[in-house]
Amino acid sequence: MLAVPEIDQRDNSTVLQAPAVTVRGLGVAPAQPDGVKVVLTVRHRSDAADQALGEASGKAQALERLFQELSIDRDRWVTVGLGLNEWTEWDEQGRRELRRGYEASSRVAVTLPNAADLGRLLAEAAGRVEAAVDGPWWDVAPENPAHEEARRRAMADARLRASVYADAAGLTLGELVEVVEVEAQRPRATTLARATFSSLAGSEMPAHSEGLQVTAGVDVTYLMSPAS
């Protein structure tokens, strides 16, 4: 963005502002996660609603015992959903839904401070109660040093971009006059969990956080002056 002339209404004279350029700098830095979250779902189907609820409750309790065995603090897991729904199946020959009974379910969100424990948790949950898994979601804390590195890279990127524009305009990059941080993007991972369920408890499922990144962005304005 280059400055344009302004008209002084008092004497109708043209007042030239110093030329300026505003650019957006982007910074991306690799990050190691500070934790990882998964949602485990257990369910059971039965002809009777009370039996479906009872069996699903037993599986949920088994999950809680697993969390205790793995020394997962109580404040790191919470029930996020309970369900009881009719269980139906599609009858292709009759072209209609057939009521089979009921399906009860329980969903628990678990946050682990150490991603190295994730594989064992998933394997044990799948082996013991056939838990379905949603996730993982990697957590990068606000105080993680990767954020600082991303911001430094964003500022360096902004200066490089501004310098290119100034040079293309035949000018010299001058004083920095404004910096505005733009909304940072959420951490992302180009490689998330690669997991294969096994019916054998103890067969750990690998989950890799390689490729996890944090980003930062800034809008920066520089003055420009004629090249010497």
C-alpha atoms as a PDB file:
ATOM      1  CA  MET A   1       0.000   0.000   0.000  1.00  0.00           C
ATOM      2  CA  LEU A   2       1.514   3.355  -1.087  1.00  0.00           C
ATOM      3  CA  ALA A   3       0.511   6.722   0.389  1.00  0.00           C
ATOM      4  CA  VAL A   4      -1.330   9.169  -1.875  1.00  0.00           C
ATOM      5  CA  PRO A   5      -1.353  13.006  -1.887  1.00  0.00           C
ATOM      6  CA  GLU A   6      -3.779  14.811   0.418  1.00  0.00           C
ATOM      7  CA  ILE A   7      -5.384  18.194  -0.220  1.00  0.00           C
ATOM      8  CA  ASP A   8      -4.925  20.830   2.498  1.00  0.00           C
ATOM      9  CA  GLN A   9      -8.369  22.506   2.594  1.00  0.00           C
ATOM     10  CA  ARG A  10      -6.981  25.674   4.215  1.00  0.00           C
ATOM     11  CA  ASP A  11      -4.832  26.835   1.314  1.00  0.00           C
ATOM     12  CA  ASN A  12      -5.696  24.259  -1.375  1.00  0.00           C
ATOM     13  CA  SER A  13      -2.061  23.161  -1.442  1.00  0.00           C
ATOM     14  CA  THR A  14      -1.060  19.551  -2.044  1.00  0.00           C
ATOM     15  CA  VAL A  15       0.663  17.895   0.928  1.00  0.00           C
ATOM     16  CA  LEU A  16       2.626  14.771   0.040  1.00  0.00           C
ATOM     17  CA  GLN A  17       2.728  12.064   2.678  1.00  0.00           C
ATOM     18  CA  ALA A  18       5.837   9.916   3.022  1.00  0.00           C
ATOM     19  CA  PRO A  19       5.340   6.785   0.931  1.00  0.00           C
ATOM     20  CA  ALA A  20       4.601   3.680   3.000  1.00  0.00           C
ATOM     21  CA  VAL A  21       4.008   0.011   2.434  1.00  0.00           C
ATOM     22  CA  THR A  22       1.892  -2.401   4.483  1.00  0.00           C
ATOM     23  CA  VAL A  23       2.512  -6.133   4.194  1.00  0.00           C
ATOM     24  CA  ARG A  24       1.382  -9.273   5.960  1.00  0.00           C
ATOM     25  CA  GLY A  25       4.130 -11.493   7.289  1.00  0.00           C
ATOM     26  CA  LEU A  26       3.523 -15.151   8.008  1.00  0.00           C
ATOM     27  CA  GLY A  27       5.598 -17.396  10.246  1.00  0.00           C
ATOM     28  CA  VAL A  28       5.433 -21.174  10.618  1.00  0.00           C
ATOM     29  CA  ALA A  29       7.376 -23.102  13.257  1.00  0.00           C
ATOM     30  CA  PRO A  30       7.517 -26.821  14.101  1.00  0.00           C
ATOM     31  CA  ALA A  31       6.106 -27.747  17.485  1.00  0.00           C
ATOM     32  CA  GLN A  32       6.179 -30.603  19.938  1.00  0.00           C
ATOM     33  CA  PRO A  33       2.736 -31.157  21.503  1.00  0.00           C
ATOM     34  CA  ASP A  34       2.121 -30.445  25.176  1.00  0.00           C
ATOM     35  CA  GLY A  35      -0.671 -32.994  25.271  1.00  0.00           C
ATOM     36  CA  VAL A  36      -3.081 -35.004  23.187  1.00  0.00           C
ATOM     37  CA  LYS A  37      -6.846 -35.530  23.391  1.00  0.00           C
ATOM     38  CA  VAL A  38      -9.009 -38.412  22.193  1.00  0.00           C
ATOM     39  CA  VAL A  39     -12.680 -39.288  22.577  1.00  0.00           C
ATOM     40  CA  LEU A  40     -13.496 -42.916  23.371  1.00  0.00           C
ATOM     41  CA  THR A  41     -16.983 -44.259  22.709  1.00  0.00           C
ATOM     42  CA  VAL A  42     -18.400 -47.510  24.073  1.00  0.00           C
ATOM     43  CA  ARG A  43     -21.783 -48.865  22.990  1.00  0.00           C
ATOM     44  CA  HIS A  44     -23.963 -51.909  23.336  1.00  0.00           C
ATOM     45  CA  ARG A  45     -27.001 -53.188  21.431  1.00  0.00           C
ATOM     46  CA  SER A  46     -29.780 -55.245  22.928  1.00  0.00           C
ATOM     47  CA  ASP A  47     -33.444 -56.108  22.471  1.00  0.00           C
ATOM     48  CA  ALA A  48     -34.291 -54.327  25.746  1.00  0.00           C
ATOM     49  CA  ALA A  49     -33.422 -50.746  26.610  1.00  0.00           C
ATOM     50  CA  ASP A  50     -32.438 -51.521  30.202  1.00  0.00           C
ATOM     51  CA  GLN A  51     -30.088 -54.283  29.099  1.00  0.00           C
ATOM     52  CA  ALA A  52     -28.438 -52.035  26.521  1.00  0.00           C
ATOM     53  CA  LEU A  53     -27.951 -49.352  29.182  1.00  0.00           C
ATOM     54  CA  GLY A  54     -26.583 -51.822  31.693  1.00  0.00           C
ATOM     55  CA  GLU A  55     -24.025 -53.295  29.319  1.00  0.00           C
ATOM     56  CA  ALA A  56     -22.904 -49.877  28.061  1.00  0.00           C
ATOM     57  CA  SER A  57     -22.572 -48.710  31.668  1.00  0.00           C
ATOM     58  CA  GLY A  58     -20.387 -51.712  32.439  1.00  0.00           C
ATOM     59  CA  LYS A  59     -18.104 -50.866  29.534  1.00  0.00           C
ATOM     60  CA  ALA A  60     -17.888 -47.242  30.669  1.00  0.00           C
ATOM     61  CA  GLN A  61     -16.889 -48.386  34.146  1.00  0.00           C
ATOM     62  CA  ALA A  62     -14.257 -50.660  32.618  1.00  0.00           C
ATOM     63  CA  LEU A  63     -12.836 -47.632  30.815  1.00  0.00           C
ATOM     64  CA  GLU A  64     -12.631 -45.757  34.121  1.00  0.00           C
ATOM     65  CA  ARG A  65     -10.715 -48.656  35.656  1.00  0.00           C
ATOM     66  CA  LEU A  66      -8.348 -48.569  32.681  1.00  0.00           C
ATOM     67  CA  PHE A  67      -7.721 -44.852  33.233  1.00  0.00           C
ATOM     68  CA  GLN A  68      -6.864 -45.584  36.857  1.00  0.00           C
ATOM     69  CA  GLU A  69      -4.507 -48.407  35.859  1.00  0.00           C
ATOM     70  CA  LEU A  70      -2.719 -46.035  33.497  1.00  0.00           C
ATOM     71  CA  SER A  71      -2.487 -43.391  36.282  1.00  0.00           C
ATOM     72  CA  ILE A  72      -4.516 -40.838  34.305  1.00  0.00           C
ATOM     73  CA  ASP A  73      -5.546 -38.063  36.682  1.00  0.00           C
ATOM     74  CA  ARG A  74      -9.278 -37.809  37.339  1.00  0.00           C
ATOM     75  CA  ASP A  75      -9.447 -34.240  36.021  1.00  0.00           C
ATOM     76  CA  ARG A  76      -8.127 -35.392  32.634  1.00  0.00           C
ATOM     77  CA  TRP A  77     -11.202 -37.352  31.573  1.00  0.00           C
ATOM     78  CA  VAL A  78     -14.849 -36.364  31.405  1.00  0.00           C
ATOM     79  CA  THR A  79     -18.063 -37.854  30.049  1.00  0.00           C
ATOM     80  CA  VAL A  80     -19.126 -35.769  27.052  1.00  0.00           C
ATOM     81  CA  GLY A  81     -22.135 -37.748  25.843  1.00  0.00           C
ATOM     82  CA  LEU A  82     -24.662 -40.407  26.793  1.00  0.00           C
ATOM     83  CA  GLY A  83     -27.151 -41.924  24.365  1.00  0.00           C
ATOM     84  CA  LEU A  84     -29.997 -44.404  24.085  1.00  0.00           C
ATOM     85  CA  ASN A  85     -31.484 -44.828  20.620  1.00  0.00           C
ATOM     86  CA  GLU A  86     -33.538 -47.307  18.712  1.00  0.00           C
ATOM     87  CA  TRP A  87     -31.438 -49.842  16.839  1.00  0.00           C
ATOM     88  CA  THR A  88     -32.675 -50.380  13.312  1.00  0.00           C
ATOM     89  CA  GLU A  89     -31.401 -52.186  10.240  1.00  0.00           C
ATOM     90  CA  TRP A  90     -32.307 -51.734   6.594  1.00  0.00           C
ATOM     91  CA  ASP A  91     -34.168 -54.639   5.021  1.00  0.00           C
ATOM     92  CA  GLU A  92     -33.114 -54.565   1.392  1.00  0.00           C
ATOM     93  CA  GLN A  93     -35.688 -57.140   0.298  1.00  0.00           C
ATOM     94  CA  GLY A  94     -38.594 -55.375   1.987  1.00  0.00           C
ATOM     95  CA  ARG A  95     -37.138 -51.899   1.319  1.00  0.00           C
ATOM     96  CA  ARG A  96     -37.834 -50.746   4.854  1.00  0.00           C
ATOM     97  CA  GLU A  97     -36.226 -50.156   8.249  1.00  0.00           C
ATOM     98  CA  LEU A  98     -36.587 -52.987  10.735  1.00  0.00           C
ATOM     99  CA  ARG A  99     -36.530 -52.257  14.440  1.00  0.00           C
ATOM    100  CA  ARG A 100     -34.038 -54.533  16.204  1.00  0.00           C
ATOM    101  CA  GLY A 101     -33.897 -53.069  19.687  1.00  0.00           C
ATOM    102  CA  TYR A 102     -31.856 -50.366  21.396  1.00  0.00           C
ATOM    103  CA  GLU A 103     -28.318 -49.054  21.331  1.00  0.00           C
ATOM    104  CA  ALA A 104     -26.836 -47.325  24.398  1.00  0.00           C
ATOM    105  CA  SER A 105     -23.571 -45.408  24.276  1.00  0.00           C
ATOM    106  CA  SER A 106     -21.170 -43.396  26.428  1.00  0.00           C
ATOM    107  CA  ARG A 107     -18.517 -40.949  25.156  1.00  0.00           C
ATOM    108  CA  VAL A 108     -15.508 -39.953  27.258  1.00  0.00           C
ATOM    109  CA  ALA A 109     -12.927 -37.294  26.373  1.00  0.00           C
ATOM    110  CA  VAL A 110      -9.426 -38.031  27.653  1.00  0.00           C
ATOM    111  CA  THR A 111      -6.461 -35.642  27.656  1.00  0.00           C
ATOM    112  CA  LEU A 112      -2.986 -37.077  28.091  1.00  0.00           C
ATOM    113  CA  PRO A 113      -0.010 -34.875  29.024  1.00  0.00           C
ATOM    114  CA  ASN A 114       2.367 -37.282  27.310  1.00  0.00           C
ATOM    115  CA  ALA A 115       1.617 -38.414  23.771  1.00  0.00           C
ATOM    116  CA  ALA A 116       3.834 -41.465  24.325  1.00  0.00           C
ATOM    117  CA  ASP A 117       1.049 -42.985  26.464  1.00  0.00           C
ATOM    118  CA  LEU A 118      -1.544 -42.697  23.688  1.00  0.00           C
ATOM    119  CA  GLY A 119      -0.751 -45.943  21.904  1.00  0.00           C
ATOM    120  CA  ARG A 120      -1.238 -48.096  24.989  1.00  0.00           C
ATOM    121  CA  LEU A 121      -4.480 -46.322  25.933  1.00  0.00           C
ATOM    122  CA  LEU A 122      -6.003 -46.889  22.493  1.00  0.00           C
ATOM    123  CA  ALA A 123      -4.898 -50.505  22.312  1.00  0.00           C
ATOM    124  CA  GLU A 124      -6.219 -51.357  25.770  1.00  0.00           C
ATOM    125  CA  ALA A 125      -9.517 -49.521  25.225  1.00  0.00           C
ATOM    126  CA  ALA A 126     -10.070 -51.322  21.923  1.00  0.00           C
ATOM    127  CA  GLY A 127      -9.102 -54.698  23.325  1.00  0.00           C
ATOM    128  CA  ARG A 128     -11.108 -54.548  26.542  1.00  0.00           C
ATOM    129  CA  VAL A 129     -14.349 -52.812  25.560  1.00  0.00           C
ATOM    130  CA  GLU A 130     -14.119 -52.389  21.757  1.00  0.00           C
ATOM    131  CA  ALA A 131     -14.031 -48.617  22.180  1.00  0.00           C
ATOM    132  CA  ALA A 132     -14.305 -46.457  19.076  1.00  0.00           C
ATOM    133  CA  VAL A 133     -11.784 -43.632  18.853  1.00  0.00           C
ATOM    134  CA  ASP A 134     -12.155 -40.050  17.623  1.00  0.00           C
ATOM    135  CA  GLY A 135      -8.962 -38.035  17.319  1.00  0.00           C
ATOM    136  CA  PRO A 136      -6.283 -37.460  18.223  1.00  0.00           C
ATOM    137  CA  TRP A 137      -6.189 -33.691  18.658  1.00  0.00           C
ATOM    138  CA  TRP A 138      -2.754 -32.363  19.565  1.00  0.00           C
ATOM    139  CA  ASP A 139      -2.498 -29.548  22.121  1.00  0.00           C
ATOM    140  CA  VAL A 140       0.146 -26.825  21.889  1.00  0.00           C
ATOM    141  CA  ALA A 141       0.062 -24.644  25.001  1.00  0.00           C
ATOM    142  CA  PRO A 142       0.185 -20.816  24.679  1.00  0.00           C
ATOM    143  CA  GLU A 143       3.543 -20.781  26.474  1.00  0.00           C
ATOM    144  CA  ASN A 144       5.095 -23.300  24.075  1.00  0.00           C
ATOM    145  CA  PRO A 145       8.302 -21.739  22.612  1.00  0.00           C
ATOM    146  CA  ALA A 146       7.127 -22.636  19.104  1.00  0.00           C
ATOM    147  CA  HIS A 147       4.747 -19.656  19.250  1.00  0.00           C
ATOM    148  CA  GLU A 148       7.636 -17.234  19.850  1.00  0.00           C
ATOM    149  CA  GLU A 149       9.589 -18.724  16.974  1.00  0.00           C
ATOM    150  CA  ALA A 150       6.575 -18.425  14.660  1.00  0.00           C
ATOM    151  CA  ARG A 151       6.189 -14.727  15.579  1.00  0.00           C
ATOM    152  CA  ARG A 152       9.880 -14.040  14.900  1.00  0.00           C
ATOM    153  CA  ARG A 153       9.571 -15.707  11.531  1.00  0.00           C
ATOM    154  CA  ALA A 154       6.432 -13.687  10.772  1.00  0.00           C
ATOM    155  CA  MET A 155       8.268 -10.413  11.439  1.00  0.00           C
ATOM    156  CA  ALA A 156      11.244 -11.508   9.328  1.00  0.00           C
ATOM    157  CA  ASP A 157       8.877 -12.500   6.523  1.00  0.00           C
ATOM    158  CA  ALA A 158       7.135  -9.114   6.705  1.00  0.00           C
ATOM    159  CA  ARG A 159      10.404  -7.206   6.446  1.00  0.00           C
ATOM    160  CA  LEU A 160      11.541  -9.309   3.489  1.00  0.00           C
ATOM    161  CA  ARG A 161       8.270  -8.705   1.658  1.00  0.00           C
ATOM    162  CA  ALA A 162       8.388  -4.980   2.367  1.00  0.00           C
ATOM    163  CA  SER A 163      11.978  -4.780   1.163  1.00  0.00           C
ATOM    164  CA  VAL A 164      11.046  -6.435  -2.123  1.00  0.00           C
ATOM    165  CA  TYR A 165       8.199  -3.973  -2.698  1.00  0.00           C
ATOM    166  CA  ALA A 166      10.390  -1.008  -1.826  1.00  0.00           C
ATOM    167  CA  ASP A 167      13.106  -2.163  -4.210  1.00  0.00           C
ATOM    168  CA  ALA A 168      10.563  -2.749  -6.978  1.00  0.00           C
ATOM    169  CA  ALA A 169       9.323   0.806  -6.490  1.00  0.00           C
ATOM    170  CA  GLY A 170      12.856   2.224  -6.631  1.00  0.00           C
ATOM    171  CA  LEU A 171      12.727   3.220  -2.970  1.00  0.00           C
ATOM    172  CA  THR A 172      14.515   2.354   0.260  1.00  0.00           C
ATOM    173  CA  LEU A 173      12.797   0.700   3.188  1.00  0.00           C
ATOM    174  CA  GLY A 174      12.622   3.041   6.137  1.00  0.00           C
ATOM    175  CA  GLU A 175      11.176   3.259   9.638  1.00  0.00           C
ATOM    176  CA  LEU A 176       8.717   0.701  10.954  1.00  0.00           C
ATOM    177  CA  VAL A 177       5.579   2.580  12.005  1.00  0.00           C
ATOM    178  CA  GLU A 178       2.964  -0.047  12.888  1.00  0.00           C
ATOM    179  CA  VAL A 179       2.652  -3.738  13.777  1.00  0.00           C
ATOM    180  CA  VAL A 180      -0.731  -5.455  14.124  1.00  0.00           C
ATOM    181  CA  GLU A 181      -0.963  -9.138  14.995  1.00  0.00           C
ATOM    182  CA  VAL A 182      -3.579 -10.980  12.971  1.00  0.00           C
ATOM    183  CA  GLU A 183      -5.543 -13.944  14.233  1.00  0.00           C
ATOM    184  CA  ALA A 184      -3.277 -16.934  14.617  1.00  0.00           C
ATOM    185  CA  GLN A 185      -4.285 -20.211  13.084  1.00  0.00           C
ATOM    186  CA  ARG A 186      -4.801 -23.283  15.210  1.00  0.00           C
ATOM    187  CA  PRO A 187      -1.962 -25.793  15.350  1.00  0.00           C
ATOM    188  CA  ARG A 188      -2.152 -28.341  12.578  1.00  0.00           C
ATOM    189  CA  ALA A 189      -0.445 -31.625  11.891  1.00  0.00           C
ATOM    190  CA  THR A 190       0.349 -32.887   8.443  1.00  0.00           C
ATOM    191  CA  THR A 191       0.673 -36.343   9.980  1.00  0.00           C
ATOM    192  CA  LEU A 192      -1.914 -37.356  12.562  1.00  0.00           C
ATOM    193  CA  ALA A 193      -2.512 -40.704  14.183  1.00  0.00           C
ATOM    194  CA  ARG A 194      -1.883 -43.732  12.053  1.00  0.00           C
ATOM    195  CA  ALA A 195      -3.715 -46.424  13.974  1.00  0.00           C
ATOM    196  CA  THR A 196      -4.851 -49.947  13.224  1.00  0.00           C
ATOM    197  CA  PHE A 197      -7.256 -51.519  15.709  1.00  0.00           C
ATOM    198  CA  SER A 198      -6.343 -54.906  17.056  1.00  0.00           C
ATOM    199  CA  SER A 199      -8.467 -57.316  19.023  1.00  0.00           C
ATOM    200  CA  LEU A 200      -5.400 -58.109  21.120  1.00  0.00           C
ATOM    201  CA  ALA A 201      -4.974 -55.829  24.111  1.00  0.00           C
ATOM    202  CA  GLY A 202      -1.397 -54.691  24.475  1.00  0.00           C
ATOM    203  CA  SER A 203      -0.775 -54.291  20.747  1.00  0.00           C
ATOM    204  CA  GLU A 204      -0.037 -50.584  20.819  1.00  0.00           C
ATOM    205  CA  MET A 205      -1.319 -48.453  17.976  1.00  0.00           C
ATOM    206  CA  PRO A 206       1.227 -45.877  16.758  1.00  0.00           C
ATOM    207  CA  ALA A 207       0.284 -42.198  16.862  1.00  0.00           C
ATOM    208  CA  HIS A 208       2.768 -39.698  15.465  1.00  0.00           C
ATOM    209  CA  SER A 209       2.814 -35.923  15.883  1.00  0.00           C
ATOM    210  CA  GLU A 210       5.518 -35.284  13.284  1.00  0.00           C
ATOM    211  CA  GLY A 211       4.537 -32.355  11.105  1.00  0.00           C
ATOM    212  CA  LEU A 212       2.772 -30.432  13.876  1.00  0.00           C
ATOM    213  CA  GLN A 213       3.109 -26.689  13.259  1.00  0.00           C
ATOM    214  CA  VAL A 214       2.017 -23.384  14.745  1.00  0.00           C
ATOM    215  CA  THR A 215       1.604 -20.215  12.701  1.00  0.00           C
ATOM    216  CA  ALA A 216       1.677 -16.492  13.391  1.00  0.00           C
ATOM    217  CA  GLY A 217       0.761 -13.493  11.287  1.00  0.00           C
ATOM    218  CA  VAL A 218       1.393  -9.746  11.461  1.00  0.00           C
ATOM    219  CA  ASP A 219       0.405  -6.738   9.370  1.00  0.00           C
ATOM    220  CA  VAL A 220       3.412  -4.412   9.319  1.00  0.00           C
ATOM    221  CA  THR A 221       3.717  -0.895   7.914  1.00  0.00           C
ATOM    222  CA  TYR A 222       7.052   0.636   6.892  1.00  0.00           C
ATOM    223  CA  LEU A 223       7.858   4.097   5.614  1.00  0.00           C
ATOM    224  CA  MET A 224       9.861   4.307   2.378  1.00  0.00           C
ATOM    225  CA  SER A 225      12.260   6.935   1.113  1.00  0.00           C
ATOM    226  CA  PRO A 226      13.937   7.672  -2.212  1.00  0.00           C
ATOM    227  CA  ALA A 227      16.903   5.466  -2.926  1.00  0.00           C
ATOM    228  CA  SER A 228      20.217   7.197  -2.259  1.00  0.00           C
END
